[in-house]
Amino acid sequence: MTADAPSLHRPGHDWTATHLAALLVANVALALGPWLVRLADTGPVAAGFWRLALAVPVLALLSLREPVAQRRPGGGILAMVVAAGVFFALDLASWHVGIETAKLGNASLFGNAGSVILMGWGLIAARRAPRVLEIAAIASALGGAALLMGGSLEISHASFVGDLFCLLAGLFYAFYILMLRPARVRLGQFSILLWSTLASVPFLMGIALLRGEVIMPTDWTPLLVLAMSSQVIGQGLLIYSLRHFPPLVIGLALMTQPAISAATGWLAFGETLSPADFVGMALLAAALVMARAGDKG
């Protein structure tokens, strides 16, 4: 068995500018999700169901392009992927319910709160003292996100429940990412995404039915765009990135989504970006640069 065989691949020390671009494009696609959920004329959890169900045929076709050995999970790997799919279903359900009442800025920030867990886990898994650049990267990312959302983050009684659901979603999402990383060593990116998506679909349908939501849309456009952008492109590139990055960098990259949300609000809704917003974006960019330098060190 050669050193570059899937079972011996070690994430975190071979990433290039191309890999980083894929990770950032993934976060751009995922950051548009809350806006598309608001546009959908189904219930919020039902929108999550359609996001996954509509993506399944595309994911199945893309998975056929991968080697046979990377399409067939063993018993232990399959169990982990299915469990990850359940966590992802809970993530989407919690996040989409939260999007109903939370501000989009709040939803983006709180929904990615799991990135802090990923960053902390990355340092624990490394079994060493954190490097100075890694500590600086985390501080820079947290400071940048705080600056970006400082103007719009309003925790009120009206939005408090939505904020809590988005925070809960961030926790579920961290477990989803952590459970998929070992499977990504052996499975192709679209095969692992197909299996985890298939595990998520029935749970989301069940939750939507229990909530009494509208299931069938009259306008399929937002749901089709949501499925292709968030699930196929966003999740596809994110899972591709899991094989090349340690949890620290994945967590830092997830924190770019508040910056993308701020830029979306500026371009789509004419929301003004303050000097603090630009400083926040600069801090997030600096965090990724420092993470790269620290990971290569």
C-alpha atoms as a PDB file:
ATOM      1  CA  MET A   1       0.000   0.000   0.000  1.00  0.00           C
ATOM      2  CA  THR A   2       1.445   3.364  -1.004  1.00  0.00           C
ATOM      3  CA  ALA A   3       1.651   6.428   1.162  1.00  0.00           C
ATOM      4  CA  ASP A   4      -1.028   8.213  -0.834  1.00  0.00           C
ATOM      5  CA  ALA A   5      -3.601   5.438  -0.414  1.00  0.00           C
ATOM      6  CA  PRO A   6      -6.873   6.732   1.056  1.00  0.00           C
ATOM      7  CA  SER A   7      -6.448   4.847   4.333  1.00  0.00           C
ATOM      8  CA  LEU A   8      -3.121   6.496   5.040  1.00  0.00           C
ATOM      9  CA  HIS A   9      -4.035  10.019   4.002  1.00  0.00           C
ATOM     10  CA  ARG A  10      -3.383  12.502   6.769  1.00  0.00           C
ATOM     11  CA  PRO A  11      -5.536  15.664   6.577  1.00  0.00           C
ATOM     12  CA  GLY A  12      -4.033  18.994   7.350  1.00  0.00           C
ATOM     13  CA  HIS A  13      -0.608  19.144   5.753  1.00  0.00           C
ATOM     14  CA  ASP A  14      -1.119  19.129   1.992  1.00  0.00           C
ATOM     15  CA  TRP A  15      -3.581  21.940   1.332  1.00  0.00           C
ATOM     16  CA  THR A  16      -2.982  24.411  -1.456  1.00  0.00           C
ATOM     17  CA  ALA A  17      -4.605  27.599  -2.720  1.00  0.00           C
ATOM     18  CA  THR A  18      -6.945  25.425  -4.825  1.00  0.00           C
ATOM     19  CA  HIS A  19      -8.114  23.519  -1.753  1.00  0.00           C
ATOM     20  CA  LEU A  20      -8.638  26.774   0.143  1.00  0.00           C
ATOM     21  CA  ALA A  21     -10.621  28.209  -2.775  1.00  0.00           C
ATOM     22  CA  ALA A  22     -12.873  25.117  -2.726  1.00  0.00           C
ATOM     23  CA  LEU A  23     -13.447  25.543   1.015  1.00  0.00           C
ATOM     24  CA  LEU A  24     -14.318  29.224   0.629  1.00  0.00           C
ATOM     25  CA  VAL A  25     -16.652  28.604  -2.342  1.00  0.00           C
ATOM     26  CA  ALA A  26     -18.409  26.004  -0.181  1.00  0.00           C
ATOM     27  CA  ASN A  27     -19.009  28.613   2.484  1.00  0.00           C
ATOM     28  CA  VAL A  28     -20.288  31.152  -0.049  1.00  0.00           C
ATOM     29  CA  ALA A  29     -22.872  28.635  -1.268  1.00  0.00           C
ATOM     30  CA  LEU A  30     -23.859  27.652   2.270  1.00  0.00           C
ATOM     31  CA  ALA A  31     -24.146  31.276   3.417  1.00  0.00           C
ATOM     32  CA  LEU A  32     -26.945  31.888   0.891  1.00  0.00           C
ATOM     33  CA  GLY A  33     -29.074  29.153   2.491  1.00  0.00           C
ATOM     34  CA  PRO A  34     -31.029  31.312   5.005  1.00  0.00           C
ATOM     35  CA  TRP A  35     -32.106  33.733   2.283  1.00  0.00           C
ATOM     36  CA  LEU A  36     -33.385  30.880   0.087  1.00  0.00           C
ATOM     37  CA  VAL A  37     -35.223  29.253   2.999  1.00  0.00           C
ATOM     38  CA  ARG A  38     -37.055  32.545   3.574  1.00  0.00           C
ATOM     39  CA  LEU A  39     -38.034  32.628  -0.109  1.00  0.00           C
ATOM     40  CA  ALA A  40     -39.472  29.096  -0.074  1.00  0.00           C
ATOM     41  CA  ASP A  41     -43.262  28.807   0.278  1.00  0.00           C
ATOM     42  CA  THR A  42     -43.102  25.564   2.265  1.00  0.00           C
ATOM     43  CA  GLY A  43     -42.503  25.157   5.972  1.00  0.00           C
ATOM     44  CA  PRO A  44     -38.886  25.711   7.067  1.00  0.00           C
ATOM     45  CA  VAL A  45     -38.152  22.056   7.899  1.00  0.00           C
ATOM     46  CA  ALA A  46     -39.919  20.984   4.697  1.00  0.00           C
ATOM     47  CA  ALA A  47     -37.541  23.301   2.819  1.00  0.00           C
ATOM     48  CA  GLY A  48     -34.679  21.359   4.395  1.00  0.00           C
ATOM     49  CA  PHE A  49     -36.281  18.099   3.265  1.00  0.00           C
ATOM     50  CA  TRP A  50     -36.521  19.333  -0.337  1.00  0.00           C
ATOM     51  CA  ARG A  51     -32.977  20.671  -0.208  1.00  0.00           C
ATOM     52  CA  LEU A  52     -31.796  17.108   0.373  1.00  0.00           C
ATOM     53  CA  ALA A  53     -34.372  15.138  -1.627  1.00  0.00           C
ATOM     54  CA  LEU A  54     -33.880  17.191  -4.797  1.00  0.00           C
ATOM     55  CA  ALA A  55     -30.114  16.804  -4.506  1.00  0.00           C
ATOM     56  CA  VAL A  56     -30.148  12.976  -4.194  1.00  0.00           C
ATOM     57  CA  PRO A  57     -30.318  12.158  -7.948  1.00  0.00           C
ATOM     58  CA  VAL A  58     -27.472  14.571  -8.726  1.00  0.00           C
ATOM     59  CA  LEU A  59     -25.354  13.210  -5.887  1.00  0.00           C
ATOM     60  CA  ALA A  60     -26.019   9.635  -7.053  1.00  0.00           C
ATOM     61  CA  LEU A  61     -24.806  10.459 -10.577  1.00  0.00           C
ATOM     62  CA  LEU A  62     -21.719  12.275  -9.274  1.00  0.00           C
ATOM     63  CA  SER A  63     -20.866   9.382  -6.941  1.00  0.00           C
ATOM     64  CA  LEU A  64     -20.784   6.971  -9.919  1.00  0.00           C
ATOM     65  CA  ARG A  65     -17.714   8.857 -11.192  1.00  0.00           C
ATOM     66  CA  GLU A  66     -15.751   7.805  -8.115  1.00  0.00           C
ATOM     67  CA  PRO A  67     -13.801   4.527  -7.837  1.00  0.00           C
ATOM     68  CA  VAL A  68     -15.879   1.539  -6.714  1.00  0.00           C
ATOM     69  CA  ALA A  69     -13.733   1.121  -3.591  1.00  0.00           C
ATOM     70  CA  GLN A  70     -14.632   4.685  -2.534  1.00  0.00           C
ATOM     71  CA  ARG A  71     -18.387   4.153  -3.022  1.00  0.00           C
ATOM     72  CA  ARG A  72     -18.949   1.190  -0.707  1.00  0.00           C
ATOM     73  CA  PRO A  73     -18.705   1.958   3.020  1.00  0.00           C
ATOM     74  CA  GLY A  74     -17.977  -0.896   5.412  1.00  0.00           C
ATOM     75  CA  GLY A  75     -20.236  -1.596   8.371  1.00  0.00           C
ATOM     76  CA  GLY A  76     -18.438   0.659  10.836  1.00  0.00           C
ATOM     77  CA  ILE A  77     -17.990   3.507   8.371  1.00  0.00           C
ATOM     78  CA  LEU A  78     -21.609   3.233   7.195  1.00  0.00           C
ATOM     79  CA  ALA A  79     -22.870   3.421  10.785  1.00  0.00           C
ATOM     80  CA  MET A  80     -20.804   6.571  11.342  1.00  0.00           C
ATOM     81  CA  VAL A  81     -22.068   8.164   8.116  1.00  0.00           C
ATOM     82  CA  VAL A  82     -25.689   7.355   8.991  1.00  0.00           C
ATOM     83  CA  ALA A  83     -25.217   8.842  12.464  1.00  0.00           C
ATOM     84  CA  ALA A  84     -23.690  11.942  10.865  1.00  0.00           C
ATOM     85  CA  GLY A  85     -26.737  12.143   8.588  1.00  0.00           C
ATOM     86  CA  VAL A  86     -29.028  12.131  11.625  1.00  0.00           C
ATOM     87  CA  PHE A  87     -27.038  14.982  13.179  1.00  0.00           C
ATOM     88  CA  PHE A  88     -27.248  16.868   9.877  1.00  0.00           C
ATOM     89  CA  ALA A  89     -31.031  16.424   9.797  1.00  0.00           C
ATOM     90  CA  LEU A  90     -31.253  17.808  13.333  1.00  0.00           C
ATOM     91  CA  ASP A  91     -28.950  20.668  12.317  1.00  0.00           C
ATOM     92  CA  LEU A  92     -31.107  21.638   9.345  1.00  0.00           C
ATOM     93  CA  ALA A  93     -34.362  21.296  11.287  1.00  0.00           C
ATOM     94  CA  SER A  94     -33.096  23.452  14.169  1.00  0.00           C
ATOM     95  CA  TRP A  95     -31.505  26.021  11.883  1.00  0.00           C
ATOM     96  CA  HIS A  96     -34.488  26.366   9.548  1.00  0.00           C
ATOM     97  CA  VAL A  97     -36.883  26.735  12.487  1.00  0.00           C
ATOM     98  CA  GLY A  98     -34.581  29.387  13.923  1.00  0.00           C
ATOM     99  CA  ILE A  99     -34.423  31.245  10.605  1.00  0.00           C
ATOM    100  CA  GLU A 100     -38.191  31.875  10.905  1.00  0.00           C
ATOM    101  CA  THR A 101     -37.762  34.311  13.800  1.00  0.00           C
ATOM    102  CA  ALA A 102     -34.038  35.111  14.045  1.00  0.00           C
ATOM    103  CA  LYS A 103     -32.482  37.826  11.939  1.00  0.00           C
ATOM    104  CA  LEU A 104     -30.480  36.453   9.030  1.00  0.00           C
ATOM    105  CA  GLY A 105     -27.320  37.872  10.576  1.00  0.00           C
ATOM    106  CA  ASN A 106     -28.090  36.116  13.848  1.00  0.00           C
ATOM    107  CA  ALA A 107     -28.896  32.884  12.028  1.00  0.00           C
ATOM    108  CA  SER A 108     -25.593  32.938  10.161  1.00  0.00           C
ATOM    109  CA  LEU A 109     -23.523  33.725  13.247  1.00  0.00           C
ATOM    110  CA  PHE A 110     -25.271  31.367  15.670  1.00  0.00           C
ATOM    111  CA  GLY A 111     -25.680  28.616  13.087  1.00  0.00           C
ATOM    112  CA  ASN A 112     -21.903  28.506  12.734  1.00  0.00           C
ATOM    113  CA  ALA A 113     -21.228  28.563  16.465  1.00  0.00           C
ATOM    114  CA  GLY A 114     -20.072  24.965  16.069  1.00  0.00           C
ATOM    115  CA  SER A 115     -16.974  26.308  14.357  1.00  0.00           C
ATOM    116  CA  VAL A 116     -15.636  27.230  17.799  1.00  0.00           C
ATOM    117  CA  ILE A 117     -16.103  23.592  18.846  1.00  0.00           C
ATOM    118  CA  LEU A 118     -14.264  22.441  15.731  1.00  0.00           C
ATOM    119  CA  MET A 119     -11.381  24.793  16.382  1.00  0.00           C
ATOM    120  CA  GLY A 120     -11.091  23.667  19.997  1.00  0.00           C
ATOM    121  CA  TRP A 121     -11.342  20.005  19.028  1.00  0.00           C
ATOM    122  CA  GLY A 122      -8.633  20.506  16.437  1.00  0.00           C
ATOM    123  CA  LEU A 123      -6.255  21.700  19.126  1.00  0.00           C
ATOM    124  CA  ILE A 124      -7.200  18.861  21.483  1.00  0.00           C
ATOM    125  CA  ALA A 125      -6.815  16.236  18.732  1.00  0.00           C
ATOM    126  CA  ALA A 126      -3.344  17.562  17.914  1.00  0.00           C
ATOM    127  CA  ARG A 127      -2.238  16.564  21.460  1.00  0.00           C
ATOM    128  CA  ARG A 128       0.107  19.467  21.760  1.00  0.00           C
ATOM    129  CA  ALA A 129       0.137  23.018  23.029  1.00  0.00           C
ATOM    130  CA  PRO A 130      -1.453  25.422  20.533  1.00  0.00           C
ATOM    131  CA  ARG A 131       0.939  27.440  18.426  1.00  0.00           C
ATOM    132  CA  VAL A 132       0.975  31.196  18.730  1.00  0.00           C
ATOM    133  CA  LEU A 133      -0.357  31.598  15.192  1.00  0.00           C
ATOM    134  CA  GLU A 134      -3.234  29.197  15.909  1.00  0.00           C
ATOM    135  CA  ILE A 135      -4.264  31.171  18.992  1.00  0.00           C
ATOM    136  CA  ALA A 136      -3.971  34.393  17.001  1.00  0.00           C
ATOM    137  CA  ALA A 137      -6.047  32.899  14.166  1.00  0.00           C
ATOM    138  CA  ILE A 138      -8.864  31.923  16.534  1.00  0.00           C
ATOM    139  CA  ALA A 139      -8.819  35.322  18.229  1.00  0.00           C
ATOM    140  CA  SER A 140      -8.806  37.079  14.853  1.00  0.00           C
ATOM    141  CA  ALA A 141     -11.727  35.009  13.556  1.00  0.00           C
ATOM    142  CA  LEU A 142     -13.819  35.532  16.687  1.00  0.00           C
ATOM    143  CA  GLY A 143     -13.052  39.239  16.702  1.00  0.00           C
ATOM    144  CA  GLY A 144     -13.885  39.581  13.025  1.00  0.00           C
ATOM    145  CA  ALA A 145     -17.217  37.787  13.395  1.00  0.00           C
ATOM    146  CA  ALA A 146     -18.085  39.904  16.444  1.00  0.00           C
ATOM    147  CA  LEU A 147     -17.354  43.127  14.576  1.00  0.00           C
ATOM    148  CA  LEU A 148     -19.385  42.063  11.549  1.00  0.00           C
ATOM    149  CA  MET A 149     -22.448  41.160  13.555  1.00  0.00           C
ATOM    150  CA  GLY A 150     -22.060  43.724  16.313  1.00  0.00           C
ATOM    151  CA  GLY A 151     -24.341  46.210  14.585  1.00  0.00           C
ATOM    152  CA  SER A 152     -27.128  43.773  13.711  1.00  0.00           C
ATOM    153  CA  LEU A 153     -26.986  41.269  16.559  1.00  0.00           C
ATOM    154  CA  GLU A 154     -30.074  41.983  18.647  1.00  0.00           C
ATOM    155  CA  ILE A 155     -31.010  39.435  21.268  1.00  0.00           C
ATOM    156  CA  SER A 156     -34.633  40.278  22.101  1.00  0.00           C
ATOM    157  CA  HIS A 157     -37.622  38.346  23.444  1.00  0.00           C
ATOM    158  CA  ALA A 158     -39.046  38.124  19.923  1.00  0.00           C
ATOM    159  CA  SER A 159     -35.950  36.504  18.456  1.00  0.00           C
ATOM    160  CA  PHE A 160     -34.592  34.700  21.527  1.00  0.00           C
ATOM    161  CA  VAL A 161     -36.178  31.322  20.680  1.00  0.00           C
ATOM    162  CA  GLY A 162     -34.950  31.542  17.084  1.00  0.00           C
ATOM    163  CA  ASP A 163     -31.462  32.389  18.310  1.00  0.00           C
ATOM    164  CA  LEU A 164     -31.474  29.336  20.587  1.00  0.00           C
ATOM    165  CA  PHE A 165     -32.523  27.057  17.738  1.00  0.00           C
ATOM    166  CA  CYS A 166     -29.695  28.427  15.583  1.00  0.00           C
ATOM    167  CA  LEU A 167     -27.197  27.895  18.394  1.00  0.00           C
ATOM    168  CA  LEU A 168     -28.441  24.312  18.781  1.00  0.00           C
ATOM    169  CA  ALA A 169     -28.022  23.834  15.032  1.00  0.00           C
ATOM    170  CA  GLY A 170     -24.396  24.937  15.290  1.00  0.00           C
ATOM    171  CA  LEU A 171     -23.780  22.253  17.916  1.00  0.00           C
ATOM    172  CA  PHE A 172     -25.362  19.538  15.734  1.00  0.00           C
ATOM    173  CA  TYR A 173     -23.327  20.704  12.738  1.00  0.00           C
ATOM    174  CA  ALA A 174     -20.044  20.370  14.622  1.00  0.00           C
ATOM    175  CA  PHE A 175     -20.870  16.726  15.430  1.00  0.00           C
ATOM    176  CA  TYR A 176     -21.817  16.150  11.784  1.00  0.00           C
ATOM    177  CA  ILE A 177     -18.444  17.403  10.559  1.00  0.00           C
ATOM    178  CA  LEU A 178     -16.454  15.533  13.194  1.00  0.00           C
ATOM    179  CA  MET A 179     -18.223  12.232  12.445  1.00  0.00           C
ATOM    180  CA  LEU A 180     -17.676  12.525   8.697  1.00  0.00           C
ATOM    181  CA  ARG A 181     -13.929  13.198   8.843  1.00  0.00           C
ATOM    182  CA  PRO A 182     -12.892   9.558   9.493  1.00  0.00           C
ATOM    183  CA  ALA A 183     -15.243   8.344   6.750  1.00  0.00           C
ATOM    184  CA  ARG A 184     -13.816  10.870   4.294  1.00  0.00           C
ATOM    185  CA  VAL A 185     -10.460   9.098   4.464  1.00  0.00           C
ATOM    186  CA  ARG A 186     -11.977   6.030   2.764  1.00  0.00           C
ATOM    187  CA  LEU A 187     -14.989   7.301   0.805  1.00  0.00           C
ATOM    188  CA  GLY A 188     -15.280   9.677  -2.154  1.00  0.00           C
ATOM    189  CA  GLN A 189     -16.750  13.107  -1.430  1.00  0.00           C
ATOM    190  CA  PHE A 190     -20.014  12.535  -3.322  1.00  0.00           C
ATOM    191  CA  SER A 191     -20.443   8.973  -2.096  1.00  0.00           C
ATOM    192  CA  ILE A 192     -20.182  10.050   1.523  1.00  0.00           C
ATOM    193  CA  LEU A 193     -22.521  12.977   0.851  1.00  0.00           C
ATOM    194  CA  LEU A 194     -25.037  10.667  -0.852  1.00  0.00           C
ATOM    195  CA  TRP A 195     -25.111   8.211   2.062  1.00  0.00           C
ATOM    196  CA  SER A 196     -25.373  10.922   4.727  1.00  0.00           C
ATOM    197  CA  THR A 197     -28.080  12.731   2.740  1.00  0.00           C
ATOM    198  CA  LEU A 198     -30.129   9.546   2.377  1.00  0.00           C
ATOM    199  CA  ALA A 199     -29.911   9.102   6.145  1.00  0.00           C
ATOM    200  CA  SER A 200     -31.098  12.687   6.744  1.00  0.00           C
ATOM    201  CA  VAL A 201     -34.117  12.752   4.397  1.00  0.00           C
ATOM    202  CA  PRO A 202     -36.621  10.609   6.378  1.00  0.00           C
ATOM    203  CA  PHE A 203     -35.862  12.419   9.634  1.00  0.00           C
ATOM    204  CA  LEU A 204     -36.546  15.822   8.081  1.00  0.00           C
ATOM    205  CA  MET A 205     -39.800  14.626   6.508  1.00  0.00           C
ATOM    206  CA  GLY A 206     -40.915  13.194   9.867  1.00  0.00           C
ATOM    207  CA  ILE A 207     -40.126  16.429  11.721  1.00  0.00           C
ATOM    208  CA  ALA A 208     -41.924  18.528   9.077  1.00  0.00           C
ATOM    209  CA  LEU A 209     -45.031  16.313   9.306  1.00  0.00           C
ATOM    210  CA  LEU A 210     -45.019  16.423  13.121  1.00  0.00           C
ATOM    211  CA  ARG A 211     -44.889  20.225  12.936  1.00  0.00           C
ATOM    212  CA  GLY A 212     -47.831  20.273  10.514  1.00  0.00           C
ATOM    213  CA  GLU A 213     -45.879  22.225   7.907  1.00  0.00           C
ATOM    214  CA  VAL A 214     -46.795  22.847   4.286  1.00  0.00           C
ATOM    215  CA  ILE A 215     -44.807  20.214   2.375  1.00  0.00           C
ATOM    216  CA  MET A 216     -45.561  20.793  -1.312  1.00  0.00           C
ATOM    217  CA  PRO A 217     -44.348  24.101  -2.785  1.00  0.00           C
ATOM    218  CA  THR A 218     -46.070  26.141  -5.473  1.00  0.00           C
ATOM    219  CA  ASP A 219     -42.796  27.741  -6.571  1.00  0.00           C
ATOM    220  CA  TRP A 220     -39.956  25.228  -6.936  1.00  0.00           C
ATOM    221  CA  THR A 221     -37.275  27.788  -7.870  1.00  0.00           C
ATOM    222  CA  PRO A 222     -35.955  28.663  -4.382  1.00  0.00           C
ATOM    223  CA  LEU A 223     -35.873  24.983  -3.406  1.00  0.00           C
ATOM    224  CA  LEU A 224     -34.057  23.908  -6.568  1.00  0.00           C
ATOM    225  CA  VAL A 225     -31.474  26.657  -6.097  1.00  0.00           C
ATOM    226  CA  LEU A 226     -31.160  25.710  -2.410  1.00  0.00           C
ATOM    227  CA  ALA A 227     -30.597  22.037  -3.277  1.00  0.00           C
ATOM    228  CA  MET A 228     -27.961  22.724  -5.944  1.00  0.00           C
ATOM    229  CA  SER A 229     -26.141  25.559  -4.168  1.00  0.00           C
ATOM    230  CA  SER A 230     -26.194  24.421  -0.552  1.00  0.00           C
ATOM    231  CA  GLN A 231     -26.289  20.634  -0.805  1.00  0.00           C
ATOM    232  CA  VAL A 232     -24.502  19.751  -4.061  1.00  0.00           C
ATOM    233  CA  ILE A 233     -21.994  22.615  -4.318  1.00  0.00           C
ATOM    234  CA  GLY A 234     -21.700  23.777  -0.712  1.00  0.00           C
ATOM    235  CA  GLN A 235     -21.711  20.429   1.084  1.00  0.00           C
ATOM    236  CA  GLY A 236     -19.891  18.718  -1.810  1.00  0.00           C
ATOM    237  CA  LEU A 237     -16.955  21.109  -1.633  1.00  0.00           C
ATOM    238  CA  LEU A 238     -16.995  21.137   2.165  1.00  0.00           C
ATOM    239  CA  ILE A 239     -16.722  17.346   2.348  1.00  0.00           C
ATOM    240  CA  TYR A 240     -14.019  17.452  -0.335  1.00  0.00           C
ATOM    241  CA  SER A 241     -12.145  19.838   1.964  1.00  0.00           C
ATOM    242  CA  LEU A 242     -12.367  17.514   4.969  1.00  0.00           C
ATOM    243  CA  ARG A 243      -9.640  15.352   3.470  1.00  0.00           C
ATOM    244  CA  HIS A 244      -7.217  18.251   3.161  1.00  0.00           C
ATOM    245  CA  PHE A 245      -7.754  20.402   6.273  1.00  0.00           C
ATOM    246  CA  PRO A 246      -7.564  19.893  10.040  1.00  0.00           C
ATOM    247  CA  PRO A 247     -10.660  20.793  12.119  1.00  0.00           C
ATOM    248  CA  LEU A 248      -9.042  24.111  13.111  1.00  0.00           C
ATOM    249  CA  VAL A 249      -9.053  25.429   9.535  1.00  0.00           C
ATOM    250  CA  ILE A 250     -12.503  23.999   8.762  1.00  0.00           C
ATOM    251  CA  GLY A 251     -13.824  25.832  11.815  1.00  0.00           C
ATOM    252  CA  LEU A 252     -12.134  29.075  10.841  1.00  0.00           C
ATOM    253  CA  ALA A 253     -13.517  28.848   7.309  1.00  0.00           C
ATOM    254  CA  LEU A 254     -17.056  28.332   8.621  1.00  0.00           C
ATOM    255  CA  MET A 255     -16.709  31.660  10.396  1.00  0.00           C
ATOM    256  CA  THR A 256     -16.390  33.416   7.034  1.00  0.00           C
ATOM    257  CA  GLN A 257     -20.119  32.878   6.528  1.00  0.00           C
ATOM    258  CA  PRO A 258     -21.117  35.896   8.670  1.00  0.00           C
ATOM    259  CA  ALA A 259     -18.879  37.995   6.405  1.00  0.00           C
ATOM    260  CA  ILE A 260     -20.582  36.562   3.332  1.00  0.00           C
ATOM    261  CA  SER A 261     -23.993  37.266   4.870  1.00  0.00           C
ATOM    262  CA  ALA A 262     -22.984  40.875   5.439  1.00  0.00           C
ATOM    263  CA  ALA A 263     -21.822  41.184   1.828  1.00  0.00           C
ATOM    264  CA  THR A 264     -25.067  39.591   0.596  1.00  0.00           C
ATOM    265  CA  GLY A 265     -27.097  42.098   2.580  1.00  0.00           C
ATOM    266  CA  TRP A 266     -25.077  44.921   1.056  1.00  0.00           C
ATOM    267  CA  LEU A 267     -25.428  43.691  -2.545  1.00  0.00           C
ATOM    268  CA  ALA A 268     -28.998  42.360  -2.459  1.00  0.00           C
ATOM    269  CA  PHE A 269     -30.697  44.667   0.021  1.00  0.00           C
ATOM    270  CA  GLY A 270     -28.584  47.820  -0.014  1.00  0.00           C
ATOM    271  CA  GLU A 271     -27.482  47.396   3.597  1.00  0.00           C
ATOM    272  CA  THR A 272     -24.572  49.691   4.402  1.00  0.00           C
ATOM    273  CA  LEU A 273     -21.241  48.223   5.418  1.00  0.00           C
ATOM    274  CA  SER A 274     -19.578  50.224   8.171  1.00  0.00           C
ATOM    275  CA  PRO A 275     -15.820  50.596   8.683  1.00  0.00           C
ATOM    276  CA  ALA A 276     -16.134  47.975  11.442  1.00  0.00           C
ATOM    277  CA  ASP A 277     -17.589  45.532   8.880  1.00  0.00           C
ATOM    278  CA  PHE A 278     -14.569  45.952   6.620  1.00  0.00           C
ATOM    279  CA  VAL A 279     -12.225  45.503   9.583  1.00  0.00           C
ATOM    280  CA  GLY A 280     -14.117  42.336  10.496  1.00  0.00           C
ATOM    281  CA  MET A 281     -13.697  40.921   6.990  1.00  0.00           C
ATOM    282  CA  ALA A 282      -9.998  41.750   7.100  1.00  0.00           C
ATOM    283  CA  LEU A 283      -9.651  39.947  10.439  1.00  0.00           C
ATOM    284  CA  LEU A 284     -11.350  36.836   9.036  1.00  0.00           C
ATOM    285  CA  ALA A 285      -9.038  36.850   6.023  1.00  0.00           C
ATOM    286  CA  ALA A 286      -6.032  37.279   8.310  1.00  0.00           C
ATOM    287  CA  ALA A 287      -7.249  34.344  10.416  1.00  0.00           C
ATOM    288  CA  LEU A 288      -7.122  32.013   7.412  1.00  0.00           C
ATOM    289  CA  VAL A 289      -3.640  33.231   6.474  1.00  0.00           C
ATOM    290  CA  MET A 290      -2.396  32.675  10.021  1.00  0.00           C
ATOM    291  CA  ALA A 291      -4.051  29.259  10.160  1.00  0.00           C
ATOM    292  CA  ARG A 292      -2.233  28.253   6.992  1.00  0.00           C
ATOM    293  CA  ALA A 293       1.086  29.449   8.355  1.00  0.00           C
ATOM    294  CA  GLY A 294       0.478  27.765  11.699  1.00  0.00           C
ATOM    295  CA  ASP A 295      -0.601  24.468  10.105  1.00  0.00           C
ATOM    296  CA  LYS A 296       2.486  24.347   7.892  1.00  0.00           C
ATOM    297  CA  GLY A 297       4.772  25.157  10.777  1.00  0.00           C
END
